[in-house]
Amino acid sequence: MPIDAPAGLDREELRRLLADTIDADVADVQDDTDFVESLGVDSLMALEVVVVLERTYGIKFAETEMSAVRTLASAYEVVGAKLAERS
């Protein structure tokens, strides 16, 4: 069940940020599109995605959480939960 994201998190803005970071078309970044399997994101690019999310939203990922960010939906849920923790 998806969480209710804090006001500071916009799904479409996150979609554009992820698309820019992985150098993909925004239309290719759907909720359940796996970045690794469908868009060819390698481990270095996946790390860059995490770094961009951390810098953009002022959050920190534990090493074990990094692999959870493989789709827009998972990124939205993880970032949303981290933003909610700060509130």
C-alpha atoms as a PDB file:
ATOM      1  CA  MET A   1       0.000   0.000   0.000  1.00  0.00           C
ATOM      2  CA  PRO A   2       1.561   3.333  -1.012  1.00  0.00           C
ATOM      3  CA  ILE A   3       2.224   5.897   1.626  1.00  0.00           C
ATOM      4  CA  ASP A   4       0.811   9.401   1.527  1.00  0.00           C
ATOM      5  CA  ALA A   5       3.824  11.437   0.500  1.00  0.00           C
ATOM      6  CA  PRO A   6       4.668  14.661   2.278  1.00  0.00           C
ATOM      7  CA  ALA A   7       3.767  17.912   0.556  1.00  0.00           C
ATOM      8  CA  GLY A   8       7.382  18.377  -0.592  1.00  0.00           C
ATOM      9  CA  LEU A   9       7.334  15.315  -2.840  1.00  0.00           C
ATOM     10  CA  ASP A  10       5.752  15.511  -6.273  1.00  0.00           C
ATOM     11  CA  ARG A  11       5.624  12.273  -8.305  1.00  0.00           C
ATOM     12  CA  GLU A  12       5.984  14.024 -11.674  1.00  0.00           C
ATOM     13  CA  GLU A  13       8.919  16.096 -10.473  1.00  0.00           C
ATOM     14  CA  LEU A  14      10.536  12.911  -9.171  1.00  0.00           C
ATOM     15  CA  ARG A  15       9.856  11.215 -12.532  1.00  0.00           C
ATOM     16  CA  ARG A  16      11.642  14.053 -14.382  1.00  0.00           C
ATOM     17  CA  LEU A  17      14.556  14.014 -11.927  1.00  0.00           C
ATOM     18  CA  LEU A  18      15.015  10.264 -12.315  1.00  0.00           C
ATOM     19  CA  ALA A  19      14.726  10.440 -16.103  1.00  0.00           C
ATOM     20  CA  ASP A  20      17.354  13.183 -16.246  1.00  0.00           C
ATOM     21  CA  THR A  21      19.662  11.286 -13.920  1.00  0.00           C
ATOM     22  CA  ILE A  22      19.512   8.007 -15.852  1.00  0.00           C
ATOM     23  CA  ASP A  23      19.403   9.759 -19.225  1.00  0.00           C
ATOM     24  CA  ALA A  24      16.022   8.326 -20.237  1.00  0.00           C
ATOM     25  CA  ASP A  25      12.895   9.825 -21.726  1.00  0.00           C
ATOM     26  CA  VAL A  26      10.381  10.878 -19.090  1.00  0.00           C
ATOM     27  CA  ALA A  27       7.764   8.686 -20.823  1.00  0.00           C
ATOM     28  CA  ASP A  28       9.999   5.639 -20.248  1.00  0.00           C
ATOM     29  CA  VAL A  29      10.022   6.146 -16.474  1.00  0.00           C
ATOM     30  CA  GLN A  30       6.702   4.598 -15.506  1.00  0.00           C
ATOM     31  CA  ASP A  31       5.718   3.625 -11.955  1.00  0.00           C
ATOM     32  CA  ASP A  32       6.775  -0.003 -12.374  1.00  0.00           C
ATOM     33  CA  THR A  33       9.567   0.335 -14.954  1.00  0.00           C
ATOM     34  CA  ASP A  34      12.629  -1.378 -13.500  1.00  0.00           C
ATOM     35  CA  PHE A  35      15.606   0.915 -14.065  1.00  0.00           C
ATOM     36  CA  VAL A  36      18.090  -1.941 -14.238  1.00  0.00           C
ATOM     37  CA  GLU A  37      16.163  -4.513 -16.265  1.00  0.00           C
ATOM     38  CA  SER A  38      14.172  -2.207 -18.548  1.00  0.00           C
ATOM     39  CA  LEU A  39      16.357   0.879 -18.889  1.00  0.00           C
ATOM     40  CA  GLY A  40      19.841  -0.638 -18.616  1.00  0.00           C
ATOM     41  CA  VAL A  41      20.940   1.270 -15.514  1.00  0.00           C
ATOM     42  CA  ASP A  42      24.228  -0.125 -14.217  1.00  0.00           C
ATOM     43  CA  SER A  43      25.480  -0.085 -10.622  1.00  0.00           C
ATOM     44  CA  LEU A  44      27.368   3.193 -11.021  1.00  0.00           C
ATOM     45  CA  MET A  45      24.299   4.934 -12.441  1.00  0.00           C
ATOM     46  CA  ALA A  46      22.143   3.421  -9.676  1.00  0.00           C
ATOM     47  CA  LEU A  47      24.504   4.933  -7.117  1.00  0.00           C
ATOM     48  CA  GLU A  48      24.224   8.283  -8.894  1.00  0.00           C
ATOM     49  CA  VAL A  49      20.418   8.048  -8.625  1.00  0.00           C
ATOM     50  CA  VAL A  50      20.706   7.606  -4.852  1.00  0.00           C
ATOM     51  CA  VAL A  51      23.168  10.517  -4.547  1.00  0.00           C
ATOM     52  CA  VAL A  52      20.887  12.797  -6.576  1.00  0.00           C
ATOM     53  CA  LEU A  53      17.891  11.847  -4.418  1.00  0.00           C
ATOM     54  CA  GLU A  54      19.882  12.475  -1.241  1.00  0.00           C
ATOM     55  CA  ARG A  55      21.045  15.900  -2.404  1.00  0.00           C
ATOM     56  CA  THR A  56      17.718  16.968  -3.860  1.00  0.00           C
ATOM     57  CA  TYR A  57      15.586  15.987  -0.894  1.00  0.00           C
ATOM     58  CA  GLY A  58      18.105  16.352   1.943  1.00  0.00           C
ATOM     59  CA  ILE A  59      17.818  12.725   3.013  1.00  0.00           C
ATOM     60  CA  LYS A  60      20.260   9.886   3.616  1.00  0.00           C
ATOM     61  CA  PHE A  61      19.960   6.302   2.423  1.00  0.00           C
ATOM     62  CA  ALA A  62      21.349   3.405   4.420  1.00  0.00           C
ATOM     63  CA  GLU A  63      23.417   1.055   2.290  1.00  0.00           C
ATOM     64  CA  THR A  64      20.726  -1.608   2.580  1.00  0.00           C
ATOM     65  CA  GLU A  65      18.073   0.794   1.229  1.00  0.00           C
ATOM     66  CA  MET A  66      19.960   1.737  -1.917  1.00  0.00           C
ATOM     67  CA  SER A  67      18.981  -1.385  -3.821  1.00  0.00           C
ATOM     68  CA  ALA A  68      15.295  -0.729  -3.079  1.00  0.00           C
ATOM     69  CA  VAL A  69      15.227   2.211  -5.496  1.00  0.00           C
ATOM     70  CA  ARG A  70      14.628   0.355  -8.763  1.00  0.00           C
ATOM     71  CA  THR A  71      11.373   1.910  -9.971  1.00  0.00           C
ATOM     72  CA  LEU A  72       9.623   5.266  -9.783  1.00  0.00           C
ATOM     73  CA  ALA A  73       7.090   3.783  -7.369  1.00  0.00           C
ATOM     74  CA  SER A  74       9.793   2.457  -5.030  1.00  0.00           C
ATOM     75  CA  ALA A  75      11.742   5.718  -5.182  1.00  0.00           C
ATOM     76  CA  TYR A  76       8.564   7.658  -4.394  1.00  0.00           C
ATOM     77  CA  GLU A  77       7.765   5.440  -1.403  1.00  0.00           C
ATOM     78  CA  VAL A  78      11.298   5.426   0.034  1.00  0.00           C
ATOM     79  CA  VAL A  79      11.845   9.173  -0.415  1.00  0.00           C
ATOM     80  CA  GLY A  80       8.352   9.891   0.909  1.00  0.00           C
ATOM     81  CA  ALA A  81       8.975   7.775   4.004  1.00  0.00           C
ATOM     82  CA  LYS A  82      12.307   9.485   4.649  1.00  0.00           C
ATOM     83  CA  LEU A  83      10.746  12.923   4.282  1.00  0.00           C
ATOM     84  CA  ALA A  84       7.937  11.904   6.648  1.00  0.00           C
ATOM     85  CA  GLU A  85      10.518  10.768   9.229  1.00  0.00           C
ATOM     86  CA  ARG A  86      11.984  14.271   9.249  1.00  0.00           C
ATOM     87  CA  SER A  87       8.603  15.880   9.922  1.00  0.00           C
END
